N, C-alpha and C. Protein backbone atom coordinates (compact mmCIF):
# COMPACT_ATOMS: atom_id res chain seq x y z
N MET A 1 0.82 -1.41 -0.02
CA MET A 1 0.06 -0.29 0.36
C MET A 1 0.84 1.28 -0.57
N ILE A 2 1.12 2.21 -0.67
CA ILE A 2 1.13 3.41 -0.90
C ILE A 2 0.25 4.37 -0.94
N TYR A 3 1.68 5.32 0.76
CA TYR A 3 -0.02 6.38 0.97
C TYR A 3 0.21 7.59 0.51
N LEU A 4 1.64 8.11 0.15
CA LEU A 4 1.82 8.92 -0.01
C LEU A 4 3.10 8.85 -1.23
N LYS A 5 2.81 9.65 -2.59
CA LYS A 5 4.11 9.56 -3.07
C LYS A 5 4.88 10.45 -2.50
N ASN A 6 6.41 10.34 -2.87
CA ASN A 6 7.80 10.75 -2.83
C ASN A 6 7.04 11.17 -1.41
N VAL A 7 7.23 10.97 -0.07
CA VAL A 7 7.65 11.62 0.85
C VAL A 7 7.94 10.84 1.56
N ALA A 8 8.06 9.01 1.62
CA ALA A 8 9.41 9.10 2.96
C ALA A 8 11.10 8.93 2.75
N SER A 9 10.88 9.37 4.39
CA SER A 9 11.77 10.05 4.58
C SER A 9 13.51 8.90 4.49
N LEU A 10 13.39 6.96 3.66
CA LEU A 10 13.55 6.58 3.27
C LEU A 10 15.55 6.21 2.75
N GLY A 11 16.24 6.35 2.81
CA GLY A 11 17.22 6.42 2.48
C GLY A 11 18.16 5.03 1.96
N TYR A 12 18.73 4.37 1.78
CA TYR A 12 19.56 4.02 1.62
C TYR A 12 20.70 3.51 0.62
N ASP A 13 21.76 3.32 1.80
CA ASP A 13 23.99 3.44 0.73
C ASP A 13 23.72 2.10 0.59
N PRO A 14 23.48 1.62 -0.62
CA PRO A 14 24.42 0.33 -0.73
C PRO A 14 25.45 -0.35 -0.71
N GLN A 15 26.71 1.01 -0.56
CA GLN A 15 27.63 0.11 -0.96
C GLN A 15 28.88 -0.45 1.15
N LYS A 16 27.53 0.52 1.87
CA LYS A 16 27.28 -0.68 3.22
C LYS A 16 27.16 -1.43 3.43
N CYS A 17 26.24 -1.50 2.09
CA CYS A 17 25.51 -3.31 2.45
C CYS A 17 26.62 -4.73 2.39
N THR A 18 26.32 -5.70 3.09
CA THR A 18 26.70 -6.44 3.79
C THR A 18 26.17 -7.09 2.97
N GLY A 19 24.51 -8.05 2.62
CA GLY A 19 24.24 -9.10 2.29
C GLY A 19 23.81 -10.24 3.71
N CYS A 20 23.69 -8.92 4.59
CA CYS A 20 22.96 -9.88 5.45
C CYS A 20 21.41 -10.59 5.40
N GLY A 21 21.42 -9.85 5.02
CA GLY A 21 19.71 -9.65 4.64
C GLY A 21 18.80 -9.54 5.41
N ARG A 22 18.40 -8.67 6.88
CA ARG A 22 17.82 -8.26 7.73
C ARG A 22 16.58 -7.38 7.46
N CYS A 23 16.90 -5.96 7.04
CA CYS A 23 15.87 -5.08 6.90
C CYS A 23 15.25 -6.32 5.61
N VAL A 24 15.11 -6.94 4.61
CA VAL A 24 14.91 -7.90 4.46
C VAL A 24 13.39 -8.34 4.89
N GLU A 25 14.30 -9.30 5.82
CA GLU A 25 13.42 -9.90 6.50
C GLU A 25 12.32 -8.64 8.24
N VAL A 26 12.98 -7.86 8.45
CA VAL A 26 11.92 -7.05 9.41
C VAL A 26 11.04 -5.53 8.22
N CYS A 27 11.18 -6.05 7.07
CA CYS A 27 9.97 -5.17 6.41
C CYS A 27 8.56 -5.33 5.94
N PRO A 28 7.71 -4.90 7.45
CA PRO A 28 6.70 -5.32 7.17
C PRO A 28 5.52 -5.01 5.84
N HIS A 29 6.81 -3.55 4.85
CA HIS A 29 5.48 -3.73 2.94
C HIS A 29 7.08 -4.80 2.51
N GLY A 30 7.47 -4.90 2.38
CA GLY A 30 8.77 -6.14 2.13
C GLY A 30 9.19 -5.00 0.77
N VAL A 31 9.60 -4.03 1.06
CA VAL A 31 10.62 -2.15 0.35
C VAL A 31 12.02 -3.30 -0.13
N PHE A 32 12.69 -3.65 0.94
CA PHE A 32 13.20 -4.34 0.67
C PHE A 32 13.90 -6.15 0.03
N PHE A 33 14.49 -6.21 -1.21
CA PHE A 33 14.14 -7.51 -1.36
C PHE A 33 16.12 -7.96 -1.69
N MET A 34 16.64 -9.35 -1.87
CA MET A 34 17.53 -9.50 -2.12
C MET A 34 17.91 -9.93 -3.22
N GLN A 35 19.30 -9.36 -3.71
CA GLN A 35 19.22 -9.22 -5.45
C GLN A 35 21.29 -10.00 -5.27
N ASP A 36 21.60 -10.41 -5.81
CA ASP A 36 23.50 -10.52 -5.71
C ASP A 36 24.10 -10.61 -4.72
N LYS A 37 23.09 -11.22 -3.59
CA LYS A 37 23.30 -11.36 -2.31
C LYS A 37 23.37 -9.82 -1.68
N ARG A 38 23.13 -9.55 -2.21
CA ARG A 38 23.00 -7.53 -1.66
C ARG A 38 21.42 -7.31 -1.97
N ALA A 39 21.73 -6.39 -0.52
CA ALA A 39 19.84 -5.69 -0.91
C ALA A 39 19.81 -5.15 -1.78
N VAL A 40 18.51 -4.69 -2.01
CA VAL A 40 17.73 -3.98 -3.21
C VAL A 40 16.66 -2.97 -2.53
N MET A 41 16.77 -1.93 -2.77
CA MET A 41 15.27 -1.54 -2.50
C MET A 41 14.01 -1.11 -3.35
N GLY A 42 13.53 -1.38 -3.06
CA GLY A 42 12.92 -1.23 -4.09
C GLY A 42 11.64 -0.73 -4.37
N GLU A 43 10.67 -0.62 -4.36
CA GLU A 43 9.42 0.59 -4.43
C GLU A 43 9.42 1.50 -2.85
N ARG A 44 10.59 2.77 -3.10
CA ARG A 44 10.53 3.37 -2.13
C ARG A 44 9.81 3.57 -1.52
N ASP A 45 8.52 4.31 -1.82
CA ASP A 45 7.00 4.36 -1.52
C ASP A 45 5.78 3.72 -0.30
N LEU A 46 6.46 2.39 -0.63
CA LEU A 46 5.59 1.72 -0.37
C LEU A 46 6.13 1.81 1.55
N CYS A 47 7.40 2.78 1.10
CA CYS A 47 8.04 2.64 3.33
C CYS A 47 6.77 3.47 4.15
N MET A 48 6.39 2.92 5.45
CA MET A 48 5.71 3.35 6.67
C MET A 48 6.40 4.11 6.89
N GLU A 49 8.01 3.77 6.92
CA GLU A 49 9.03 4.53 8.24
C GLU A 49 8.83 3.94 9.34
N CYS A 50 8.83 3.18 9.94
CA CYS A 50 8.63 1.63 10.54
C CYS A 50 9.67 2.59 11.62
N GLY A 51 11.09 2.53 10.81
CA GLY A 51 12.62 2.33 11.50
C GLY A 51 12.62 0.85 11.78
N ALA A 52 12.36 -0.32 11.15
CA ALA A 52 12.40 -1.79 11.57
C ALA A 52 13.45 -1.75 10.94
N CYS A 53 13.84 -1.77 9.95
CA CYS A 53 14.73 -1.67 9.08
C CYS A 53 15.71 -1.31 8.95
N GLN A 54 16.35 -0.19 9.63
CA GLN A 54 17.11 0.90 9.99
C GLN A 54 17.68 0.41 11.11
N LYS A 55 16.71 0.00 12.43
CA LYS A 55 17.31 -0.91 13.61
C LYS A 55 17.68 -2.07 13.54
N ASN A 56 16.65 -2.99 12.41
CA ASN A 56 18.14 -4.33 12.28
C ASN A 56 19.12 -3.71 11.32
N CYS A 57 19.71 -2.73 11.23
CA CYS A 57 20.98 -3.10 9.97
C CYS A 57 21.95 -2.89 10.77
N PRO A 58 22.72 -3.82 11.44
CA PRO A 58 24.62 -3.55 11.22
C PRO A 58 25.14 -3.00 11.04
N PHE A 59 24.76 -1.61 9.75
CA PHE A 59 25.54 -1.64 9.08
C PHE A 59 25.83 -0.56 8.58
N ASN A 60 25.04 -0.17 9.80
CA ASN A 60 24.50 1.54 9.15
C ASN A 60 24.23 1.90 7.64
N ALA A 61 23.45 0.51 6.59
CA ALA A 61 22.93 0.87 5.29
C ALA A 61 22.33 1.84 5.38
N ILE A 62 20.98 1.35 6.06
CA ILE A 62 20.15 2.80 6.22
C ILE A 62 19.83 3.44 6.88
N HIS A 63 18.56 4.05 6.01
CA HIS A 63 18.57 5.91 7.03
C HIS A 63 16.39 6.09 7.50
N VAL A 64 15.98 6.04 7.92
CA VAL A 64 14.50 7.16 8.10
C VAL A 64 14.23 7.71 9.36
N ASN A 65 13.18 8.02 8.74
CA ASN A 65 13.51 9.30 10.58
C ASN A 65 11.66 8.28 11.14
N ALA A 66 11.57 7.30 11.66
CA ALA A 66 10.91 6.44 12.36
C ALA A 66 10.05 7.36 13.03
N GLY A 67 9.41 7.18 12.61
CA GLY A 67 7.29 8.31 13.16
C GLY A 67 7.88 9.07 12.52
N VAL A 68 7.94 9.67 12.02
CA VAL A 68 7.23 10.56 10.56
C VAL A 68 6.67 10.69 9.70
N GLY A 69 5.32 10.91 9.24
CA GLY A 69 6.07 11.02 7.65
C GLY A 69 4.45 10.45 7.53
N CYS A 70 4.37 9.12 6.73
CA CYS A 70 2.56 7.86 6.58
C CYS A 70 2.72 7.50 7.23
N ALA A 71 3.74 6.48 8.15
CA ALA A 71 3.62 5.48 9.64
C ALA A 71 2.94 6.38 10.52
N ASN A 72 3.62 7.51 10.79
CA ASN A 72 3.08 8.28 11.73
C ASN A 72 2.02 8.89 12.19
N ALA A 73 1.03 9.69 10.96
CA ALA A 73 -0.26 9.35 10.27
C ALA A 73 -1.32 8.58 10.39
N VAL A 74 -0.72 7.21 9.76
CA VAL A 74 -1.70 6.56 10.22
C VAL A 74 -1.46 5.32 10.98
N ILE A 75 -0.45 5.22 12.23
CA ILE A 75 -1.08 4.88 13.34
C ILE A 75 -1.74 5.33 14.22
N ARG A 76 -1.85 7.29 13.91
CA ARG A 76 -3.07 7.92 15.43
C ARG A 76 -4.45 8.55 14.59
N SER A 77 -4.46 7.95 13.15
CA SER A 77 -5.62 7.95 12.68
C SER A 77 -6.16 6.93 13.49
N ILE A 78 -6.07 5.58 13.74
CA ILE A 78 -6.60 4.75 13.86
C ILE A 78 -6.33 4.42 15.36
N ALA A 79 -5.43 4.96 16.52
CA ALA A 79 -5.23 5.24 17.21
C ALA A 79 -7.06 6.07 17.91
N THR A 80 -6.71 6.25 17.11
CA THR A 80 -8.05 8.66 17.17
C THR A 80 -9.13 7.92 16.28
N GLY A 81 -9.33 7.37 15.49
CA GLY A 81 -10.78 7.11 15.27
C GLY A 81 -11.11 8.26 13.50
N SER A 82 -9.66 9.06 14.04
CA SER A 82 -9.62 10.04 12.71
C SER A 82 -9.38 9.90 11.43
N GLU A 83 -9.03 10.29 10.58
CA GLU A 83 -8.92 11.04 9.57
C GLU A 83 -6.92 10.21 9.29
N PRO A 84 -6.68 9.90 8.26
CA PRO A 84 -4.77 10.13 8.16
C PRO A 84 -4.44 11.06 7.70
N THR A 85 -2.97 12.54 8.65
CA THR A 85 -2.81 13.42 7.43
C THR A 85 -1.14 13.89 8.26
N CYS A 86 -0.37 13.38 7.95
CA CYS A 86 0.84 13.69 7.65
C CYS A 86 1.84 14.74 8.12
N GLY A 87 0.94 16.43 7.18
CA GLY A 87 0.97 17.17 7.31
C GLY A 87 1.56 18.38 6.56
N CYS A 88 1.30 17.12 5.51
CA CYS A 88 2.60 17.84 4.30
C CYS A 88 1.90 17.45 2.86
N SER A 89 1.08 18.70 3.50
CA SER A 89 0.22 19.02 2.01
C SER A 89 0.78 20.39 2.05
C-alpha cells in the first residue's frame, strides 16, 4: 500500500550493505529484496517509516526518520479514529 508519493524519508547506501538480509526479513511492506547477495531497495513509496530496517541493519546502510510522515499519521488515525494526515499538504 502506497500512502503518499515521494514523501518517505527512507535512505539506503548500497555500498555499506554486506548482504545480511535483515532489512528484507523485518520490513512489513517488502521495500527491500535480495539480489546478487545484496539488499536492493524496491518501491520506496511502500515505506511506512516504522524504522525496523534501520534498527536491524548492523552496518548503518539504512536511514529513516521513524515516527514521522505516513506511518505516524496512519497509526495516529487508527488510535484516534480520525482521518490520517501527515501534515505534508
